[in-house]
Protein backbone atom coordinates (compact mmCIF):
# COMPACT_ATOMS: atom_id res chain seq x y z
CA UNK A 1 0.00 0.00 0.00
CA UNK A 2 0.97 3.60 -0.37
CA UNK A 3 1.85 6.21 2.19
CA UNK A 4 -0.56 9.05 2.90
CA UNK A 5 0.01 12.54 4.23
CA UNK A 6 -2.10 15.23 5.79
CA UNK A 7 -1.15 18.61 7.19
CA UNK A 8 -2.13 20.44 10.34
CA UNK A 9 -1.83 24.09 11.28
CA UNK A 10 -1.15 24.29 15.00
CA UNK A 11 -2.42 27.33 16.88
CA UNK A 12 -0.24 27.47 20.00
CA UNK A 13 3.35 27.08 21.20
CA UNK A 14 2.37 23.76 22.79
CA UNK A 15 -0.75 21.88 21.82
CA UNK A 16 -2.10 18.34 21.51
CA UNK A 17 -4.43 17.83 18.54
CA UNK A 18 -6.62 14.73 18.38
CA UNK A 19 -5.93 13.21 14.94
CA UNK A 20 -7.85 9.96 15.48
CA UNK A 21 -10.64 10.92 13.06
CA UNK A 22 -8.12 11.87 10.35
CA UNK A 23 -6.55 8.42 10.64
CA UNK A 24 -9.95 6.69 10.64
CA UNK A 25 -10.93 8.60 7.51
CA UNK A 26 -7.80 7.46 5.64
CA UNK A 27 -8.50 3.86 6.69
CA UNK A 28 -12.10 4.17 5.48
CA UNK A 29 -11.26 5.94 2.20
CA UNK A 30 -8.61 3.36 1.30
CA UNK A 31 -10.85 0.40 2.13
CA UNK A 32 -8.25 -0.87 4.58
CA UNK A 33 -9.48 -3.98 6.42
CA UNK A 34 -6.78 -5.56 8.52
CA UNK A 35 -3.17 -4.89 9.40
CA UNK A 36 -1.00 -2.17 10.85
CA UNK A 37 -1.30 1.59 10.55
CA UNK A 38 1.95 3.43 11.18
CA UNK A 39 1.70 7.11 12.09
CA UNK A 40 4.95 9.06 11.63
CA UNK A 41 5.70 12.69 12.48
CA UNK A 42 8.63 14.02 10.36
CA UNK A 43 9.54 16.84 12.75
CA UNK A 44 12.09 17.11 15.58
CA UNK A 45 10.00 19.44 17.75
CA UNK A 46 6.69 17.57 17.50
CA UNK A 47 5.55 14.06 18.30
CA UNK A 48 2.66 11.63 18.48
CA UNK A 49 1.09 9.75 21.38
CA UNK A 50 -1.99 7.87 22.52
CA UNK A 51 -3.87 9.09 25.56
CA UNK A 52 -7.33 9.82 26.92
CA UNK A 53 -9.51 11.85 24.60
CA UNK A 54 -12.65 12.14 26.74
CA UNK A 55 -11.57 14.87 29.19
CA UNK A 56 -9.54 17.83 27.83
CA UNK A 57 -8.12 18.39 31.30
CA UNK A 58 -5.92 15.33 30.80
CA UNK A 59 -4.10 17.02 27.90
CA UNK A 60 -3.88 20.26 29.87
CA UNK A 61 -2.36 18.37 32.82
CA UNK A 62 0.15 16.56 30.59
CA UNK A 63 1.35 19.81 29.02
CA UNK A 64 1.54 21.47 32.44
CA UNK A 65 3.66 18.67 33.91
CA UNK A 66 5.94 18.53 30.85
CA UNK A 67 6.60 22.26 31.30
CA UNK A 68 7.45 21.73 34.97
CA UNK A 69 9.93 18.97 34.18
CA UNK A 70 11.26 20.53 30.94
CA UNK A 71 10.92 24.31 31.21
CA UNK A 72 11.20 26.57 28.16
CA UNK A 73 14.26 28.31 29.62
CA UNK A 74 16.83 26.19 31.44
CA UNK A 75 20.31 27.31 30.37
CA UNK A 76 20.11 25.30 27.13
CA UNK A 77 22.88 25.75 24.55
CA UNK A 78 20.94 25.21 21.30
CA UNK A 79 20.95 28.50 19.39
CA UNK A 80 17.36 28.36 18.12
CA UNK A 81 15.97 28.52 21.64
CA UNK A 82 13.72 25.49 21.24
CA UNK A 83 15.67 22.83 23.15
CA UNK A 84 12.70 22.15 25.42
CA UNK A 85 10.64 21.29 22.33
CA UNK A 86 13.28 18.83 21.12
CA UNK A 87 13.39 17.13 24.53
CA UNK A 88 9.59 16.87 24.76
CA UNK A 89 9.42 15.43 21.25
CA UNK A 90 12.01 12.83 22.28
CA UNK A 91 9.74 11.78 25.15
CA UNK A 92 6.54 11.50 23.11
CA UNK A 93 8.27 9.89 20.15
CA UNK A 94 7.87 10.33 16.41
CA UNK A 95 5.82 7.26 15.47
CA UNK A 96 3.12 4.83 16.55
CA UNK A 97 1.89 1.52 15.23
CA UNK A 98 -1.84 0.93 15.50
CA UNK A 99 -3.69 -2.34 14.89
CA UNK A 100 -6.58 -2.29 12.41
CA UNK A 101 -9.14 -5.11 12.25
CA UNK A 102 -12.37 -5.18 10.24
CA UNK A 103 -11.61 -1.63 9.05
CA UNK A 104 -11.45 -0.23 12.58
CA UNK A 105 -8.63 1.06 14.78
CA UNK A 106 -8.27 -1.10 17.87
CA UNK A 107 -8.10 1.62 20.51
CA UNK A 108 -9.31 1.51 24.08
CA UNK A 109 -12.61 3.12 25.01
CA UNK A 110 -11.05 6.41 26.10
CA UNK A 111 -8.01 6.45 23.80
CA UNK A 112 -7.25 8.88 21.03
CA UNK A 113 -4.20 9.56 18.88
CA UNK A 114 -2.66 12.98 19.45
CA UNK A 115 -0.30 15.08 17.38
CA UNK A 116 1.94 16.80 19.95
CA UNK A 117 3.10 20.32 19.08
CA UNK A 118 5.97 21.66 21.17
CA UNK A 119 7.28 24.52 18.99
CA UNK A 120 4.30 26.12 17.29
CA UNK A 121 2.38 27.56 15.83
CA UNK A 122 3.44 25.90 12.60
CA UNK A 123 2.21 23.94 9.62
CA UNK A 124 3.00 20.29 10.28
CA UNK A 125 2.80 17.00 8.40
CA UNK A 126 1.53 13.62 9.51
CA UNK A 127 2.48 10.55 7.46
CA UNK A 128 0.41 7.37 7.47
CA UNK A 129 1.47 3.95 6.15
CA UNK A 130 -1.05 1.11 5.94
CA UNK A 131 0.33 -2.42 5.74
CA UNK A 132 -2.13 -5.27 5.30
CA UNK A 133 -5.35 -6.07 3.46
CA UNK A 134 -7.51 -3.56 1.59
CA UNK A 135 -9.93 -3.22 -1.31
CA UNK A 136 -7.30 -1.62 -3.56
C-alpha atoms as a PDB file:
ATOM      1  CA  UNK A   1       0.000   0.000   0.000  1.00  0.00           C
ATOM      2  CA  UNK A   2       0.970   3.600  -0.365  1.00  0.00           C
ATOM      3  CA  UNK A   3       1.848   6.214   2.189  1.00  0.00           C
ATOM      4  CA  UNK A   4      -0.560   9.047   2.897  1.00  0.00           C
ATOM      5  CA  UNK A   5       0.006  12.537   4.234  1.00  0.00           C
ATOM      6  CA  UNK A   6      -2.104  15.229   5.792  1.00  0.00           C
ATOM      7  CA  UNK A   7      -1.145  18.608   7.188  1.00  0.00           C
ATOM      8  CA  UNK A   8      -2.125  20.435  10.344  1.00  0.00           C
ATOM      9  CA  UNK A   9      -1.831  24.085  11.280  1.00  0.00           C
ATOM     10  CA  UNK A  10      -1.151  24.289  14.998  1.00  0.00           C
ATOM     11  CA  UNK A  11      -2.416  27.329  16.884  1.00  0.00           C
ATOM     12  CA  UNK A  12      -0.236  27.473  20.000  1.00  0.00           C
ATOM     13  CA  UNK A  13       3.350  27.076  21.202  1.00  0.00           C
ATOM     14  CA  UNK A  14       2.366  23.755  22.793  1.00  0.00           C
ATOM     15  CA  UNK A  15      -0.748  21.877  21.818  1.00  0.00           C
ATOM     16  CA  UNK A  16      -2.104  18.344  21.505  1.00  0.00           C
ATOM     17  CA  UNK A  17      -4.425  17.825  18.537  1.00  0.00           C
ATOM     18  CA  UNK A  18      -6.623  14.727  18.377  1.00  0.00           C
ATOM     19  CA  UNK A  19      -5.930  13.210  14.936  1.00  0.00           C
ATOM     20  CA  UNK A  20      -7.849   9.962  15.479  1.00  0.00           C
ATOM     21  CA  UNK A  21     -10.641  10.916  13.063  1.00  0.00           C
ATOM     22  CA  UNK A  22      -8.119  11.871  10.346  1.00  0.00           C
ATOM     23  CA  UNK A  23      -6.552   8.418  10.639  1.00  0.00           C
ATOM     24  CA  UNK A  24      -9.949   6.686  10.641  1.00  0.00           C
ATOM     25  CA  UNK A  25     -10.935   8.604   7.507  1.00  0.00           C
ATOM     26  CA  UNK A  26      -7.804   7.462   5.642  1.00  0.00           C
ATOM     27  CA  UNK A  27      -8.495   3.856   6.691  1.00  0.00           C
ATOM     28  CA  UNK A  28     -12.104   4.171   5.476  1.00  0.00           C
ATOM     29  CA  UNK A  29     -11.257   5.943   2.197  1.00  0.00           C
ATOM     30  CA  UNK A  30      -8.609   3.359   1.297  1.00  0.00           C
ATOM     31  CA  UNK A  31     -10.850   0.404   2.134  1.00  0.00           C
ATOM     32  CA  UNK A  32      -8.245  -0.874   4.579  1.00  0.00           C
ATOM     33  CA  UNK A  33      -9.482  -3.984   6.421  1.00  0.00           C
ATOM     34  CA  UNK A  34      -6.784  -5.560   8.519  1.00  0.00           C
ATOM     35  CA  UNK A  35      -3.166  -4.893   9.401  1.00  0.00           C
ATOM     36  CA  UNK A  36      -0.998  -2.174  10.851  1.00  0.00           C
ATOM     37  CA  UNK A  37      -1.296   1.587  10.547  1.00  0.00           C
ATOM     38  CA  UNK A  38       1.950   3.429  11.181  1.00  0.00           C
ATOM     39  CA  UNK A  39       1.705   7.110  12.086  1.00  0.00           C
ATOM     40  CA  UNK A  40       4.945   9.057  11.626  1.00  0.00           C
ATOM     41  CA  UNK A  41       5.699  12.688  12.483  1.00  0.00           C
ATOM     42  CA  UNK A  42       8.626  14.019  10.356  1.00  0.00           C
ATOM     43  CA  UNK A  43       9.540  16.840  12.746  1.00  0.00           C
ATOM     44  CA  UNK A  44      12.092  17.112  15.575  1.00  0.00           C
ATOM     45  CA  UNK A  45       9.999  19.437  17.754  1.00  0.00           C
ATOM     46  CA  UNK A  46       6.693  17.566  17.504  1.00  0.00           C
ATOM     47  CA  UNK A  47       5.551  14.059  18.298  1.00  0.00           C
ATOM     48  CA  UNK A  48       2.660  11.625  18.483  1.00  0.00           C
ATOM     49  CA  UNK A  49       1.091   9.752  21.380  1.00  0.00           C
ATOM     50  CA  UNK A  50      -1.988   7.867  22.520  1.00  0.00           C
ATOM     51  CA  UNK A  51      -3.867   9.087  25.558  1.00  0.00           C
ATOM     52  CA  UNK A  52      -7.326   9.820  26.922  1.00  0.00           C
ATOM     53  CA  UNK A  53      -9.509  11.854  24.596  1.00  0.00           C
ATOM     54  CA  UNK A  54     -12.654  12.142  26.743  1.00  0.00           C
ATOM     55  CA  UNK A  55     -11.570  14.868  29.186  1.00  0.00           C
ATOM     56  CA  UNK A  56      -9.545  17.827  27.832  1.00  0.00           C
ATOM     57  CA  UNK A  57      -8.124  18.391  31.305  1.00  0.00           C
ATOM     58  CA  UNK A  58      -5.916  15.326  30.798  1.00  0.00           C
ATOM     59  CA  UNK A  59      -4.097  17.024  27.897  1.00  0.00           C
ATOM     60  CA  UNK A  60      -3.880  20.264  29.869  1.00  0.00           C
ATOM     61  CA  UNK A  61      -2.364  18.367  32.818  1.00  0.00           C
ATOM     62  CA  UNK A  62       0.151  16.564  30.594  1.00  0.00           C
ATOM     63  CA  UNK A  63       1.355  19.810  29.017  1.00  0.00           C
ATOM     64  CA  UNK A  64       1.535  21.475  32.440  1.00  0.00           C
ATOM     65  CA  UNK A  65       3.660  18.672  33.907  1.00  0.00           C
ATOM     66  CA  UNK A  66       5.944  18.534  30.852  1.00  0.00           C
ATOM     67  CA  UNK A  67       6.604  22.263  31.299  1.00  0.00           C
ATOM     68  CA  UNK A  68       7.449  21.734  34.970  1.00  0.00           C
ATOM     69  CA  UNK A  69       9.934  18.969  34.182  1.00  0.00           C
ATOM     70  CA  UNK A  70      11.263  20.526  30.940  1.00  0.00           C
ATOM     71  CA  UNK A  71      10.916  24.315  31.214  1.00  0.00           C
ATOM     72  CA  UNK A  72      11.197  26.573  28.159  1.00  0.00           C
ATOM     73  CA  UNK A  73      14.259  28.306  29.620  1.00  0.00           C
ATOM     74  CA  UNK A  74      16.834  26.185  31.437  1.00  0.00           C
ATOM     75  CA  UNK A  75      20.310  27.307  30.368  1.00  0.00           C
ATOM     76  CA  UNK A  76      20.107  25.300  27.134  1.00  0.00           C
ATOM     77  CA  UNK A  77      22.876  25.753  24.553  1.00  0.00           C
ATOM     78  CA  UNK A  78      20.937  25.209  21.302  1.00  0.00           C
ATOM     79  CA  UNK A  79      20.952  28.499  19.387  1.00  0.00           C
ATOM     80  CA  UNK A  80      17.360  28.360  18.119  1.00  0.00           C
ATOM     81  CA  UNK A  81      15.972  28.521  21.639  1.00  0.00           C
ATOM     82  CA  UNK A  82      13.725  25.486  21.238  1.00  0.00           C
ATOM     83  CA  UNK A  83      15.673  22.827  23.148  1.00  0.00           C
ATOM     84  CA  UNK A  84      12.702  22.155  25.419  1.00  0.00           C
ATOM     85  CA  UNK A  85      10.637  21.292  22.327  1.00  0.00           C
ATOM     86  CA  UNK A  86      13.277  18.831  21.117  1.00  0.00           C
ATOM     87  CA  UNK A  87      13.392  17.127  24.525  1.00  0.00           C
ATOM     88  CA  UNK A  88       9.591  16.875  24.764  1.00  0.00           C
ATOM     89  CA  UNK A  89       9.424  15.426  21.246  1.00  0.00           C
ATOM     90  CA  UNK A  90      12.009  12.834  22.278  1.00  0.00           C
ATOM     91  CA  UNK A  91       9.740  11.783  25.148  1.00  0.00           C
ATOM     92  CA  UNK A  92       6.537  11.497  23.114  1.00  0.00           C
ATOM     93  CA  UNK A  93       8.271   9.888  20.146  1.00  0.00           C
ATOM     94  CA  UNK A  94       7.873  10.330  16.414  1.00  0.00           C
ATOM     95  CA  UNK A  95       5.824   7.256  15.475  1.00  0.00           C
ATOM     96  CA  UNK A  96       3.121   4.828  16.545  1.00  0.00           C
ATOM     97  CA  UNK A  97       1.889   1.525  15.233  1.00  0.00           C
ATOM     98  CA  UNK A  98      -1.842   0.928  15.496  1.00  0.00           C
ATOM     99  CA  UNK A  99      -3.693  -2.341  14.892  1.00  0.00           C
ATOM    100  CA  UNK A 100      -6.579  -2.294  12.411  1.00  0.00           C
ATOM    101  CA  UNK A 101      -9.142  -5.106  12.246  1.00  0.00           C
ATOM    102  CA  UNK A 102     -12.366  -5.180  10.241  1.00  0.00           C
ATOM    103  CA  UNK A 103     -11.615  -1.631   9.048  1.00  0.00           C
ATOM    104  CA  UNK A 104     -11.449  -0.231  12.584  1.00  0.00           C
ATOM    105  CA  UNK A 105      -8.632   1.061  14.778  1.00  0.00           C
ATOM    106  CA  UNK A 106      -8.267  -1.100  17.872  1.00  0.00           C
ATOM    107  CA  UNK A 107      -8.096   1.624  20.507  1.00  0.00           C
ATOM    108  CA  UNK A 108      -9.310   1.510  24.084  1.00  0.00           C
ATOM    109  CA  UNK A 109     -12.608   3.121  25.015  1.00  0.00           C
ATOM    110  CA  UNK A 110     -11.055   6.414  26.102  1.00  0.00           C
ATOM    111  CA  UNK A 111      -8.014   6.446  23.803  1.00  0.00           C
ATOM    112  CA  UNK A 112      -7.251   8.883  21.028  1.00  0.00           C
ATOM    113  CA  UNK A 113      -4.199   9.560  18.880  1.00  0.00           C
ATOM    114  CA  UNK A 114      -2.655  12.977  19.447  1.00  0.00           C
ATOM    115  CA  UNK A 115      -0.302  15.084  17.381  1.00  0.00           C
ATOM    116  CA  UNK A 116       1.938  16.801  19.950  1.00  0.00           C
ATOM    117  CA  UNK A 117       3.102  20.317  19.075  1.00  0.00           C
ATOM    118  CA  UNK A 118       5.966  21.660  21.175  1.00  0.00           C
ATOM    119  CA  UNK A 119       7.275  24.521  18.991  1.00  0.00           C
ATOM    120  CA  UNK A 120       4.304  26.124  17.294  1.00  0.00           C
ATOM    121  CA  UNK A 121       2.380  27.565  15.833  1.00  0.00           C
ATOM    122  CA  UNK A 122       3.438  25.896  12.601  1.00  0.00           C
ATOM    123  CA  UNK A 123       2.207  23.943   9.623  1.00  0.00           C
ATOM    124  CA  UNK A 124       3.002  20.288  10.285  1.00  0.00           C
ATOM    125  CA  UNK A 125       2.804  17.003   8.400  1.00  0.00           C
ATOM    126  CA  UNK A 126       1.529  13.617   9.507  1.00  0.00           C
ATOM    127  CA  UNK A 127       2.484  10.548   7.463  1.00  0.00           C
ATOM    128  CA  UNK A 128       0.413   7.366   7.468  1.00  0.00           C
ATOM    129  CA  UNK A 129       1.474   3.945   6.148  1.00  0.00           C
ATOM    130  CA  UNK A 130      -1.047   1.111   5.940  1.00  0.00           C
ATOM    131  CA  UNK A 131       0.327  -2.418   5.742  1.00  0.00           C
ATOM    132  CA  UNK A 132      -2.127  -5.271   5.303  1.00  0.00           C
ATOM    133  CA  UNK A 133      -5.351  -6.073   3.461  1.00  0.00           C
ATOM    134  CA  UNK A 134      -7.512  -3.564   1.593  1.00  0.00           C
ATOM    135  CA  UNK A 135      -9.929  -3.223  -1.306  1.00  0.00           C
ATOM    136  CA  UNK A 136      -7.299  -1.625  -3.555  1.00  0.00           C
END
